[in-house]
Amino acid sequence: MIETPACKRRVLVLLSLIFLISVFNSLYAYDNDTDRTGIIIENANEIVEFVIDAYESGDINHAENLALKALDDTSRLSRQDQFTLYKYLAFCAVANDDEAGGIRRFKSALSLKPNVVADPITWSPKVRRVFDRALTEFTKNAETLELNRNAIVAEICRTASFKSLYLPGSGQILKGSKGKGILFGALFWGMAATFVYSQASLPDSKDRYLNATNKVDAMQRWKDYRNMQHIVTISGIATATIYTYIFFDALLFKPNPKKVAERY
């Protein structure tokens, strides 16, 4: 049989097409979540179902791999789905005699659903023992975190109240309430300026009243002097009240959670 150049070219083109089709199919399959049998997993519920089916059928390693792959992208998973996947990862770890891994996975599940309890009917004694250890460690860690958080909150509040003593409004800004801090600062300084101005103007108002040359003029200047006294009294009380409120607001009200998280 004589092979011509044209024949060779046709064979090369055919082989190239076969190769490109194989590459395309591989890429397409890679871009889709599939189980080992090639079934495409289209949504989060199916992922969870495949994990449960694999575990209950005794295919522990496959269930573990599917769950880990699903948790690589949690954007399409609900909180309940994530909890279920971590729970079954813990089951898989216990089945593989990896107690430390089971504790770690159970703690991840508890972080999503802290009030979960072991099922005495469907969970084996071995699984319940690992879960109890995970729950003890998780509770201890949660208590420590809460104590640390409370200490951080107290520190932020003390610092904020101290700053508010010499710069009203700055404490609220420190606690993450910038808008409230600016508002409180504007109220305080505006009222304080009114008090200072009216207090400084009070002697001049009194002098004008005392130097009145006639009854009509004296009556009008008396009203002006009395109004100025009222402004001094009201602005003074308001300034003191606002100052006190700003201080206790900075001391007692909880800071923005983001500010607390920054200190962890």
Protein backbone atom coordinates (compact mmCIF):
# COMPACT_ATOMS: atom_id res chain seq x y z
CA MET A 1 0.00 0.00 0.00
CA ILE A 2 1.43 3.37 -1.08
CA GLU A 3 0.98 6.26 1.35
CA THR A 4 0.66 9.57 -0.43
CA PRO A 5 1.34 12.99 1.22
CA ALA A 6 -2.35 13.82 0.92
CA CYS A 7 -3.27 10.67 2.82
CA LYS A 8 -0.80 11.47 5.57
CA ARG A 9 -2.26 14.96 5.90
CA ARG A 10 -5.79 13.53 6.26
CA VAL A 11 -4.61 11.17 9.02
CA LEU A 12 -2.88 14.01 10.87
CA VAL A 13 -5.98 16.22 10.63
CA LEU A 14 -8.16 13.36 11.92
CA LEU A 15 -5.83 12.68 14.85
CA SER A 16 -5.70 16.39 15.67
CA LEU A 17 -9.50 16.58 15.74
CA ILE A 18 -9.71 13.55 18.02
CA PHE A 19 -7.13 15.11 20.35
CA LEU A 20 -8.97 18.47 20.48
CA ILE A 21 -12.29 16.75 21.21
CA SER A 22 -10.69 14.79 24.05
CA VAL A 23 -9.18 17.96 25.54
CA PHE A 24 -12.53 19.79 25.29
CA ASN A 25 -14.39 16.94 27.01
CA SER A 26 -11.80 16.85 29.78
CA LEU A 27 -12.07 20.57 30.39
CA TYR A 28 -15.86 20.42 30.38
CA ALA A 29 -15.88 17.57 32.85
CA TYR A 30 -13.39 19.42 35.08
CA ASP A 31 -15.58 22.50 35.18
CA ASN A 32 -18.52 20.56 36.59
CA ASP A 33 -18.87 18.90 39.98
CA THR A 34 -19.33 15.22 39.28
CA ASP A 35 -19.40 12.19 41.44
CA ARG A 36 -17.27 9.17 40.66
CA THR A 37 -19.88 7.70 38.37
CA GLY A 38 -19.87 10.82 36.20
CA ILE A 39 -23.22 12.20 37.38
CA ILE A 40 -23.19 15.99 37.23
CA ILE A 41 -24.01 17.65 40.54
CA GLU A 42 -26.04 20.72 39.68
CA ASN A 43 -26.87 22.26 43.08
CA ALA A 44 -25.93 22.28 46.74
CA ASN A 45 -28.75 19.96 47.80
CA GLU A 46 -27.52 17.29 45.39
CA ILE A 47 -23.98 17.62 46.78
CA VAL A 48 -25.22 16.99 50.31
CA GLU A 49 -27.36 14.07 49.14
CA PHE A 50 -24.43 12.46 47.31
CA VAL A 51 -22.26 12.80 50.43
CA ILE A 52 -24.94 11.19 52.63
CA ASP A 53 -25.57 8.39 50.10
CA ALA A 54 -21.85 7.67 49.78
CA TYR A 55 -21.38 7.55 53.54
CA GLU A 56 -24.41 5.37 54.20
CA SER A 57 -23.36 2.97 51.45
CA GLY A 58 -19.99 2.56 53.18
CA ASP A 59 -17.93 4.49 50.63
CA ILE A 60 -16.25 6.61 53.30
CA ASN A 61 -13.36 8.00 51.23
CA HIS A 62 -15.66 9.04 48.41
CA ALA A 63 -18.04 10.76 50.82
CA GLU A 64 -15.11 12.60 52.40
CA ASN A 65 -13.73 13.73 49.04
CA LEU A 66 -17.12 14.98 47.86
CA ALA A 67 -17.69 16.93 51.08
CA LEU A 68 -14.25 18.55 50.96
CA LYS A 69 -14.75 19.49 47.32
CA ALA A 70 -18.15 21.03 48.09
CA LEU A 71 -16.70 23.06 50.97
CA ASP A 72 -14.05 24.55 48.70
CA ASP A 73 -16.77 26.93 47.49
CA THR A 74 -19.27 27.76 50.25
CA SER A 75 -20.93 30.59 48.30
CA ARG A 76 -23.67 28.28 47.03
CA LEU A 77 -24.06 26.39 50.29
CA SER A 78 -26.53 27.37 52.99
CA ARG A 79 -25.47 27.37 56.64
CA GLN A 80 -27.40 24.12 57.14
CA ASP A 81 -25.67 22.52 54.13
CA GLN A 82 -22.26 23.48 55.50
CA PHE A 83 -23.17 22.06 58.91
CA THR A 84 -24.31 18.78 57.35
CA LEU A 85 -21.13 18.44 55.30
CA TYR A 86 -18.89 19.08 58.31
CA LYS A 87 -20.93 16.60 60.35
CA TYR A 88 -20.44 13.89 57.75
CA LEU A 89 -16.77 14.75 57.47
CA ALA A 90 -16.58 14.11 61.22
CA PHE A 91 -18.40 10.80 60.73
CA CYS A 92 -15.89 9.88 58.01
CA ALA A 93 -12.94 10.79 60.23
CA VAL A 94 -14.29 8.64 63.07
CA ALA A 95 -14.89 5.77 60.66
CA ASN A 96 -11.22 6.07 59.59
CA ASP A 97 -10.10 6.04 63.27
CA ASP A 98 -8.99 9.68 62.99
CA GLU A 99 -10.28 10.95 66.32
CA ALA A 100 -8.42 14.29 66.11
CA GLY A 101 -9.88 14.88 62.66
CA GLY A 102 -13.34 14.02 63.93
CA ILE A 103 -13.02 16.50 66.78
CA ARG A 104 -11.84 19.18 64.36
CA ARG A 105 -14.73 18.57 61.96
CA PHE A 106 -17.31 18.47 64.74
CA LYS A 107 -16.00 21.79 66.07
CA SER A 108 -16.43 23.30 62.59
CA ALA A 109 -20.00 21.99 62.56
CA LEU A 110 -20.66 23.39 66.04
CA SER A 111 -19.45 26.82 64.93
CA LEU A 112 -22.33 26.80 62.45
CA LYS A 113 -24.92 25.24 64.78
CA PRO A 114 -23.80 25.50 68.42
CA ASN A 115 -26.98 24.00 69.91
CA VAL A 116 -26.74 20.65 68.15
CA VAL A 117 -26.86 17.53 70.33
CA ALA A 118 -25.71 13.98 69.65
CA ASP A 119 -28.39 11.62 68.42
CA PRO A 120 -28.33 8.59 70.74
CA ILE A 121 -30.26 6.48 68.23
CA THR A 122 -28.47 7.01 64.92
CA TRP A 123 -25.00 7.96 66.21
CA SER A 124 -22.73 5.16 67.35
CA PRO A 125 -21.12 5.28 70.81
CA LYS A 126 -17.76 5.97 69.17
CA VAL A 127 -19.15 8.95 67.25
CA ARG A 128 -20.90 10.28 70.36
CA ARG A 129 -17.69 10.02 72.39
CA VAL A 130 -15.76 12.04 69.79
CA PHE A 131 -18.61 14.54 69.55
CA ASP A 132 -18.66 14.98 73.34
CA ARG A 133 -14.94 15.76 73.33
CA ALA A 134 -15.42 18.23 70.48
CA LEU A 135 -18.33 19.86 72.31
CA THR A 136 -16.25 20.23 75.50
CA GLU A 137 -13.37 21.84 73.62
CA PHE A 138 -15.72 24.04 71.59
CA THR A 139 -17.56 25.24 74.71
CA LYS A 140 -14.29 25.99 76.47
CA ASN A 141 -12.99 27.91 73.46
CA ALA A 142 -16.28 29.79 73.13
CA GLU A 143 -16.15 30.78 76.80
CA THR A 144 -12.57 31.97 76.43
CA LEU A 145 -13.46 33.95 73.31
CA GLU A 146 -16.44 35.51 75.09
CA LEU A 147 -14.25 36.51 78.05
CA ASN A 148 -11.70 38.02 75.68
CA ARG A 149 -14.44 39.80 73.80
CA ASN A 150 -15.90 41.25 76.99
CA ALA A 151 -12.45 42.43 78.06
CA ILE A 152 -11.92 44.10 74.68
CA VAL A 153 -15.35 45.77 74.85
CA ALA A 154 -14.59 47.07 78.35
CA GLU A 155 -11.22 48.41 77.23
CA ILE A 156 -12.71 50.19 74.21
CA CYS A 157 -15.46 51.72 76.36
CA ARG A 158 -12.98 52.96 78.98
CA THR A 159 -10.75 54.52 76.32
CA ALA A 160 -13.75 56.06 74.55
CA SER A 161 -15.14 57.58 77.75
CA PHE A 162 -11.72 59.04 78.62
CA LYS A 163 -11.43 60.62 75.17
CA SER A 164 -14.94 62.03 75.52
CA LEU A 165 -13.86 63.88 78.66
CA TYR A 166 -11.52 66.18 76.76
CA LEU A 167 -12.97 65.90 73.24
CA PRO A 168 -16.71 65.17 73.28
CA GLY A 169 -17.76 63.01 70.34
CA SER A 170 -14.33 61.46 69.79
CA GLY A 171 -15.24 58.50 71.99
CA GLN A 172 -18.16 57.57 69.75
CA ILE A 173 -15.90 57.82 66.70
CA LEU A 174 -13.39 55.51 68.43
CA LYS A 175 -16.19 52.98 69.01
CA GLY A 176 -17.08 52.95 65.32
CA SER A 177 -20.09 55.31 65.39
CA LYS A 178 -18.64 58.10 63.29
CA GLY A 179 -21.96 59.76 62.45
CA LYS A 180 -23.09 59.81 66.06
CA GLY A 181 -19.72 61.13 67.19
CA ILE A 182 -19.85 64.03 64.72
CA LEU A 183 -23.45 64.81 65.70
CA PHE A 184 -22.68 64.77 69.43
CA GLY A 185 -19.56 66.85 68.91
CA ALA A 186 -21.45 69.44 66.88
CA LEU A 187 -24.22 69.65 69.49
CA PHE A 188 -21.80 70.05 72.37
CA TRP A 189 -19.50 72.60 70.76
CA GLY A 190 -22.43 74.56 69.33
CA MET A 191 -24.13 74.76 72.72
CA ALA A 192 -20.84 75.50 74.49
CA ALA A 193 -20.13 78.36 72.06
CA THR A 194 -23.63 79.75 72.73
CA PHE A 195 -23.00 79.62 76.47
CA VAL A 196 -19.61 81.33 76.24
CA TYR A 197 -20.92 84.04 73.90
CA SER A 198 -24.03 84.75 76.00
CA GLN A 199 -21.99 84.76 79.22
CA ALA A 200 -19.54 87.23 77.72
CA SER A 201 -22.37 89.42 76.44
CA LEU A 202 -24.26 89.47 79.74
CA PRO A 203 -22.29 92.35 81.40
CA ASP A 204 -22.72 94.58 78.36
CA SER A 205 -26.46 93.83 78.31
CA LYS A 206 -26.67 94.76 81.99
CA ASP A 207 -24.72 98.00 81.45
CA ARG A 208 -27.04 99.01 78.62
CA TYR A 209 -30.04 98.46 80.89
CA LEU A 210 -28.52 100.50 83.74
CA ASN A 211 -27.62 103.35 81.38
CA ALA A 212 -31.10 103.67 79.90
CA THR A 213 -32.19 107.33 79.54
CA ASN A 214 -35.97 106.89 79.54
CA LYS A 215 -38.67 104.47 80.66
CA VAL A 216 -39.39 102.97 77.24
CA ASP A 217 -35.70 102.40 76.58
CA ALA A 218 -35.24 100.94 80.06
CA MET A 219 -38.11 98.45 79.56
CA GLN A 220 -36.71 97.22 76.27
CA ARG A 221 -33.18 96.92 77.62
CA TRP A 222 -34.49 95.06 80.66
CA LYS A 223 -36.14 92.51 78.40
CA ASP A 224 -32.89 92.09 76.45
CA TYR A 225 -30.94 91.64 79.68
CA ARG A 226 -33.45 89.11 81.04
CA ASN A 227 -33.42 87.14 77.76
CA MET A 228 -29.64 87.03 77.86
CA GLN A 229 -29.79 85.63 81.39
CA HIS A 230 -32.17 82.94 80.18
CA ILE A 231 -29.87 82.06 77.29
CA VAL A 232 -26.91 81.78 79.67
CA THR A 233 -28.86 79.50 82.01
CA ILE A 234 -30.37 77.29 79.32
CA SER A 235 -27.18 76.95 77.26
CA GLY A 236 -25.16 76.21 80.41
CA ILE A 237 -27.53 73.45 81.54
CA ALA A 238 -27.74 72.06 77.98
CA THR A 239 -23.94 72.04 77.62
CA ALA A 240 -23.50 70.18 80.91
CA THR A 241 -26.29 67.72 80.04
CA ILE A 242 -24.91 66.96 76.57
CA TYR A 243 -21.39 66.59 77.96
CA THR A 244 -22.58 64.14 80.62
CA TYR A 245 -24.68 62.14 78.16
CA ILE A 246 -21.79 61.88 75.69
CA PHE A 247 -19.52 60.60 78.45
CA PHE A 248 -21.93 57.89 79.64
CA ASP A 249 -22.82 56.95 76.07
CA ALA A 250 -19.14 56.34 75.37
CA LEU A 251 -18.75 54.41 78.63
CA LEU A 252 -21.85 52.21 78.66
CA PHE A 253 -23.03 51.55 75.10
CA LYS A 254 -21.39 48.68 73.21
CA PRO A 255 -18.98 49.55 70.40
CA ASN A 256 -19.42 48.61 66.77
CA PRO A 257 -18.78 44.82 66.37
CA LYS A 258 -16.26 45.57 63.62
CA LYS A 259 -14.17 47.57 66.10
CA VAL A 260 -14.26 44.65 68.52
CA ALA A 261 -13.30 42.21 65.76
CA GLU A 262 -10.29 44.34 64.89
CA ARG A 263 -8.88 43.78 68.38
CA TYR A 264 -9.22 39.97 68.34
